[in-house]
Amino acid sequence: MERMASVMYLKDGFTEEYKARHDELWPEMEQALKDHGAHNYSIFLDDNTHVLFAYLEVESREKYDEIASTEICKKWWAYMEPLMETNEDNSPVSKNLTPVFYLA
């Protein structure tokens, strides 16, 4: 199991909508995450900066990265695009974080 973390950026004024959309995560998107090896996926928000911190555990980074090419993931990105800073393909602008400490 590999641990992954990243930051993403929520646009101002969309906190409630972002949370609502994740509270109602599409079953197909949830299944795609699981099919691509995601476990223990959490997203946290810094209310002051609108920075999102995402943490998940994956079976393999390579397997997980394949989710980006699925139609359901592309559809989810388009759905979330109005709420977040995104790239040209609607994927969220994100920065991977480097692990520096772990306590099991």
N, C-alpha and C. Protein backbone atom coordinates (compact mmCIF):
# COMPACT_ATOMS: atom_id res chain seq x y z
N MET A 1 0.85 -1.18 0.00
CA MET A 1 0.00 0.00 0.00
C MET A 1 0.89 1.24 0.00
N GLU A 2 0.57 2.17 -0.85
CA GLU A 2 1.32 3.42 -0.95
C GLU A 2 0.44 4.57 -0.49
N ARG A 3 0.98 5.47 0.32
CA ARG A 3 0.26 6.65 0.78
C ARG A 3 0.54 7.81 -0.17
N MET A 4 -0.51 8.57 -0.49
CA MET A 4 -0.36 9.72 -1.39
C MET A 4 -1.05 10.92 -0.75
N ALA A 5 -0.49 12.10 -0.97
CA ALA A 5 -1.11 13.33 -0.50
C ALA A 5 -0.86 14.43 -1.52
N SER A 6 -1.82 15.34 -1.61
CA SER A 6 -1.68 16.46 -2.53
C SER A 6 -2.52 17.63 -2.01
N VAL A 7 -2.26 18.79 -2.59
CA VAL A 7 -3.10 19.96 -2.34
C VAL A 7 -3.76 20.37 -3.64
N MET A 8 -4.97 20.87 -3.51
CA MET A 8 -5.74 21.41 -4.64
C MET A 8 -6.32 22.74 -4.17
N TYR A 9 -6.98 23.44 -5.06
CA TYR A 9 -7.38 24.81 -4.74
C TYR A 9 -8.84 25.05 -5.08
N LEU A 10 -9.63 25.33 -4.05
CA LEU A 10 -11.05 25.61 -4.20
C LEU A 10 -11.25 27.10 -4.47
N LYS A 11 -12.14 27.41 -5.39
CA LYS A 11 -12.46 28.82 -5.65
C LYS A 11 -13.27 29.38 -4.49
N ASP A 12 -13.09 30.65 -4.22
CA ASP A 12 -13.77 31.33 -3.12
C ASP A 12 -15.29 31.23 -3.30
N GLY A 13 -15.98 30.93 -2.21
CA GLY A 13 -17.43 30.90 -2.22
C GLY A 13 -18.05 29.56 -2.57
N PHE A 14 -17.24 28.51 -2.77
CA PHE A 14 -17.78 27.23 -3.20
C PHE A 14 -17.62 26.11 -2.16
N THR A 15 -17.33 26.47 -0.93
CA THR A 15 -17.11 25.44 0.10
C THR A 15 -18.31 24.52 0.25
N GLU A 16 -19.49 25.09 0.42
CA GLU A 16 -20.69 24.27 0.66
C GLU A 16 -21.02 23.41 -0.55
N GLU A 17 -20.88 23.96 -1.74
CA GLU A 17 -21.18 23.18 -2.95
C GLU A 17 -20.16 22.05 -3.13
N TYR A 18 -18.90 22.33 -2.85
CA TYR A 18 -17.87 21.30 -2.97
C TYR A 18 -18.19 20.13 -2.03
N LYS A 19 -18.53 20.47 -0.78
CA LYS A 19 -18.86 19.44 0.19
C LYS A 19 -20.11 18.67 -0.24
N ALA A 20 -21.13 19.39 -0.70
CA ALA A 20 -22.37 18.74 -1.12
C ALA A 20 -22.14 17.75 -2.26
N ARG A 21 -21.31 18.13 -3.21
CA ARG A 21 -21.05 17.24 -4.35
C ARG A 21 -20.30 15.98 -3.90
N HIS A 22 -19.42 16.12 -2.93
CA HIS A 22 -18.72 14.94 -2.44
C HIS A 22 -19.60 14.10 -1.51
N ASP A 23 -20.53 14.75 -0.80
CA ASP A 23 -21.48 14.00 0.03
C ASP A 23 -22.37 13.12 -0.84
N GLU A 24 -22.54 13.52 -2.10
CA GLU A 24 -23.37 12.77 -3.05
C GLU A 24 -22.51 12.21 -4.19
N LEU A 25 -21.32 11.74 -3.83
CA LEU A 25 -20.41 11.18 -4.83
C LEU A 25 -21.13 10.15 -5.68
N TRP A 26 -21.00 10.30 -6.99
CA TRP A 26 -21.65 9.36 -7.89
C TRP A 26 -21.16 7.93 -7.61
N PRO A 27 -22.07 6.97 -7.57
CA PRO A 27 -21.65 5.58 -7.35
C PRO A 27 -20.62 5.11 -8.37
N GLU A 28 -20.75 5.56 -9.63
CA GLU A 28 -19.79 5.14 -10.66
C GLU A 28 -18.39 5.69 -10.38
N MET A 29 -18.33 6.90 -9.81
CA MET A 29 -17.04 7.48 -9.49
C MET A 29 -16.43 6.76 -8.29
N GLU A 30 -17.25 6.47 -7.30
CA GLU A 30 -16.77 5.70 -6.15
C GLU A 30 -16.22 4.35 -6.59
N GLN A 31 -16.94 3.68 -7.48
CA GLN A 31 -16.48 2.37 -7.96
C GLN A 31 -15.19 2.49 -8.74
N ALA A 32 -15.06 3.54 -9.55
CA ALA A 32 -13.82 3.74 -10.31
C ALA A 32 -12.64 3.94 -9.37
N LEU A 33 -12.84 4.70 -8.31
CA LEU A 33 -11.76 4.89 -7.33
C LEU A 33 -11.35 3.55 -6.73
N LYS A 34 -12.33 2.78 -6.33
CA LYS A 34 -12.03 1.46 -5.74
C LYS A 34 -11.37 0.53 -6.76
N ASP A 35 -11.88 0.56 -8.01
CA ASP A 35 -11.33 -0.29 -9.06
C ASP A 35 -9.87 0.07 -9.36
N HIS A 36 -9.50 1.31 -9.09
CA HIS A 36 -8.13 1.75 -9.35
C HIS A 36 -7.28 1.75 -8.08
N GLY A 37 -7.76 1.05 -7.04
CA GLY A 37 -6.95 0.77 -5.87
C GLY A 37 -6.95 1.82 -4.78
N ALA A 38 -7.90 2.76 -4.79
CA ALA A 38 -7.94 3.80 -3.76
C ALA A 38 -8.62 3.30 -2.50
N HIS A 39 -8.03 3.63 -1.36
CA HIS A 39 -8.57 3.30 -0.04
C HIS A 39 -8.31 4.49 0.89
N ASN A 40 -9.12 4.59 1.93
CA ASN A 40 -8.90 5.61 2.97
C ASN A 40 -8.67 7.00 2.37
N TYR A 41 -9.54 7.39 1.47
CA TYR A 41 -9.43 8.67 0.77
C TYR A 41 -10.13 9.73 1.61
N SER A 42 -9.40 10.78 1.96
CA SER A 42 -9.95 11.91 2.71
C SER A 42 -9.52 13.20 2.05
N ILE A 43 -10.40 14.20 2.11
CA ILE A 43 -10.07 15.55 1.64
C ILE A 43 -10.42 16.51 2.77
N PHE A 44 -9.49 17.38 3.10
CA PHE A 44 -9.67 18.38 4.14
C PHE A 44 -9.55 19.77 3.53
N LEU A 45 -10.24 20.74 4.13
CA LEU A 45 -10.22 22.11 3.63
C LEU A 45 -9.66 23.06 4.68
N ASP A 46 -8.76 23.93 4.25
CA ASP A 46 -8.33 25.06 5.07
C ASP A 46 -9.29 26.20 4.73
N ASP A 47 -10.18 26.54 5.64
CA ASP A 47 -11.22 27.53 5.39
C ASP A 47 -10.65 28.92 5.08
N ASN A 48 -9.48 29.23 5.58
CA ASN A 48 -8.90 30.55 5.38
C ASN A 48 -8.26 30.72 4.00
N THR A 49 -7.65 29.66 3.50
CA THR A 49 -6.91 29.77 2.23
C THR A 49 -7.62 29.10 1.06
N HIS A 50 -8.65 28.30 1.35
CA HIS A 50 -9.37 27.51 0.36
C HIS A 50 -8.50 26.43 -0.27
N VAL A 51 -7.43 26.06 0.43
CA VAL A 51 -6.58 24.97 -0.03
C VAL A 51 -7.19 23.65 0.46
N LEU A 52 -7.29 22.71 -0.44
CA LEU A 52 -7.76 21.37 -0.13
C LEU A 52 -6.56 20.45 0.05
N PHE A 53 -6.58 19.64 1.08
CA PHE A 53 -5.54 18.65 1.32
C PHE A 53 -6.16 17.27 1.14
N ALA A 54 -5.64 16.50 0.20
CA ALA A 54 -6.17 15.17 -0.08
C ALA A 54 -5.17 14.11 0.35
N TYR A 55 -5.66 13.08 1.00
CA TYR A 55 -4.84 11.95 1.43
C TYR A 55 -5.56 10.68 1.01
N LEU A 56 -4.80 9.74 0.44
CA LEU A 56 -5.36 8.44 0.13
C LEU A 56 -4.27 7.39 0.13
N GLU A 57 -4.70 6.18 0.24
CA GLU A 57 -3.81 5.03 0.14
C GLU A 57 -4.19 4.28 -1.12
N VAL A 58 -3.19 3.86 -1.88
CA VAL A 58 -3.43 3.16 -3.14
C VAL A 58 -2.64 1.86 -3.18
N GLU A 59 -3.17 0.92 -3.93
CA GLU A 59 -2.47 -0.35 -4.10
C GLU A 59 -1.18 -0.14 -4.88
N SER A 60 -1.25 0.71 -5.92
CA SER A 60 -0.05 1.10 -6.66
C SER A 60 -0.34 2.43 -7.34
N ARG A 61 0.64 3.29 -7.36
CA ARG A 61 0.46 4.61 -7.97
C ARG A 61 0.16 4.47 -9.47
N GLU A 62 0.81 3.54 -10.12
CA GLU A 62 0.59 3.35 -11.55
C GLU A 62 -0.86 2.96 -11.84
N LYS A 63 -1.38 2.01 -11.06
CA LYS A 63 -2.78 1.59 -11.23
C LYS A 63 -3.72 2.76 -10.95
N TYR A 64 -3.45 3.51 -9.89
CA TYR A 64 -4.31 4.64 -9.56
C TYR A 64 -4.27 5.72 -10.64
N ASP A 65 -3.11 6.00 -11.17
CA ASP A 65 -2.97 7.05 -12.19
C ASP A 65 -3.80 6.77 -13.45
N GLU A 66 -4.12 5.50 -13.68
CA GLU A 66 -4.91 5.13 -14.86
C GLU A 66 -6.34 5.66 -14.79
N ILE A 67 -6.81 6.03 -13.61
CA ILE A 67 -8.18 6.54 -13.46
C ILE A 67 -8.39 7.80 -14.29
N ALA A 68 -7.33 8.58 -14.49
CA ALA A 68 -7.44 9.84 -15.23
C ALA A 68 -7.92 9.64 -16.67
N SER A 69 -7.74 8.46 -17.21
CA SER A 69 -8.14 8.21 -18.60
C SER A 69 -9.55 7.63 -18.71
N THR A 70 -10.24 7.44 -17.59
CA THR A 70 -11.59 6.88 -17.65
C THR A 70 -12.61 7.96 -17.95
N GLU A 71 -13.68 7.58 -18.60
CA GLU A 71 -14.75 8.53 -18.94
C GLU A 71 -15.41 9.09 -17.69
N ILE A 72 -15.60 8.27 -16.66
CA ILE A 72 -16.27 8.75 -15.45
C ILE A 72 -15.41 9.79 -14.73
N CYS A 73 -14.12 9.60 -14.73
CA CYS A 73 -13.24 10.59 -14.10
C CYS A 73 -13.27 11.90 -14.87
N LYS A 74 -13.24 11.83 -16.18
CA LYS A 74 -13.31 13.05 -17.00
C LYS A 74 -14.63 13.77 -16.79
N LYS A 75 -15.71 13.01 -16.65
CA LYS A 75 -17.03 13.59 -16.40
C LYS A 75 -17.05 14.27 -15.02
N TRP A 76 -16.45 13.63 -14.01
CA TRP A 76 -16.38 14.20 -12.66
C TRP A 76 -15.57 15.49 -12.67
N TRP A 77 -14.45 15.47 -13.36
CA TRP A 77 -13.62 16.69 -13.44
C TRP A 77 -14.41 17.84 -14.06
N ALA A 78 -15.16 17.56 -15.13
CA ALA A 78 -15.97 18.61 -15.77
C ALA A 78 -17.04 19.13 -14.80
N TYR A 79 -17.61 18.24 -14.02
CA TYR A 79 -18.62 18.59 -13.03
C TYR A 79 -18.04 19.48 -11.93
N MET A 80 -16.81 19.22 -11.53
CA MET A 80 -16.16 19.95 -10.45
C MET A 80 -15.43 21.21 -10.94
N GLU A 81 -15.21 21.35 -12.23
CA GLU A 81 -14.43 22.46 -12.78
C GLU A 81 -14.90 23.84 -12.34
N PRO A 82 -16.20 24.12 -12.24
CA PRO A 82 -16.60 25.46 -11.83
C PRO A 82 -16.20 25.83 -10.40
N LEU A 83 -15.90 24.82 -9.60
CA LEU A 83 -15.62 25.04 -8.18
C LEU A 83 -14.14 25.15 -7.84
N MET A 84 -13.28 24.70 -8.76
CA MET A 84 -11.87 24.54 -8.44
C MET A 84 -10.98 25.17 -9.49
N GLU A 85 -9.74 25.42 -9.11
CA GLU A 85 -8.73 25.78 -10.10
C GLU A 85 -8.41 24.50 -10.87
N THR A 86 -8.47 24.59 -12.22
CA THR A 86 -8.29 23.40 -13.03
C THR A 86 -7.31 23.64 -14.17
N ASN A 87 -6.83 22.54 -14.71
CA ASN A 87 -6.00 22.55 -15.91
C ASN A 87 -6.90 22.57 -17.14
N GLU A 88 -6.30 22.66 -18.32
CA GLU A 88 -7.07 22.71 -19.56
C GLU A 88 -7.97 21.50 -19.77
N ASP A 89 -7.58 20.33 -19.24
CA ASP A 89 -8.39 19.12 -19.39
C ASP A 89 -9.41 18.96 -18.27
N ASN A 90 -9.62 20.01 -17.47
CA ASN A 90 -10.53 20.05 -16.32
C ASN A 90 -10.01 19.31 -15.09
N SER A 91 -8.85 18.67 -15.18
CA SER A 91 -8.29 18.04 -13.98
C SER A 91 -7.93 19.14 -12.98
N PRO A 92 -8.05 18.84 -11.70
CA PRO A 92 -7.74 19.87 -10.71
C PRO A 92 -6.25 20.23 -10.74
N VAL A 93 -5.98 21.52 -10.60
CA VAL A 93 -4.59 21.93 -10.38
C VAL A 93 -4.21 21.34 -9.03
N SER A 94 -3.14 20.58 -9.00
CA SER A 94 -2.74 19.96 -7.74
C SER A 94 -1.22 19.85 -7.67
N LYS A 95 -0.76 19.77 -6.44
CA LYS A 95 0.66 19.56 -6.18
C LYS A 95 0.79 18.35 -5.28
N ASN A 96 1.57 17.38 -5.73
CA ASN A 96 1.82 16.22 -4.89
C ASN A 96 2.74 16.62 -3.75
N LEU A 97 2.49 16.05 -2.59
CA LEU A 97 3.29 16.34 -1.42
C LEU A 97 4.24 15.18 -1.15
N THR A 98 5.42 15.50 -0.65
CA THR A 98 6.44 14.51 -0.36
C THR A 98 6.32 14.07 1.10
N PRO A 99 6.23 12.77 1.33
CA PRO A 99 6.13 12.31 2.72
C PRO A 99 7.45 12.56 3.47
N VAL A 100 7.33 13.04 4.69
CA VAL A 100 8.53 13.28 5.50
C VAL A 100 8.45 12.61 6.86
N PHE A 101 7.28 12.12 7.27
CA PHE A 101 7.14 11.45 8.55
C PHE A 101 5.94 10.54 8.51
N TYR A 102 6.06 9.38 9.15
CA TYR A 102 4.95 8.44 9.23
C TYR A 102 5.05 7.68 10.54
N LEU A 103 3.95 7.62 11.27
CA LEU A 103 3.87 6.84 12.50
C LEU A 103 2.75 5.84 12.33
N ALA A 104 3.09 4.57 12.32
CA ALA A 104 2.06 3.52 12.16
C ALA A 104 1.46 3.17 13.50
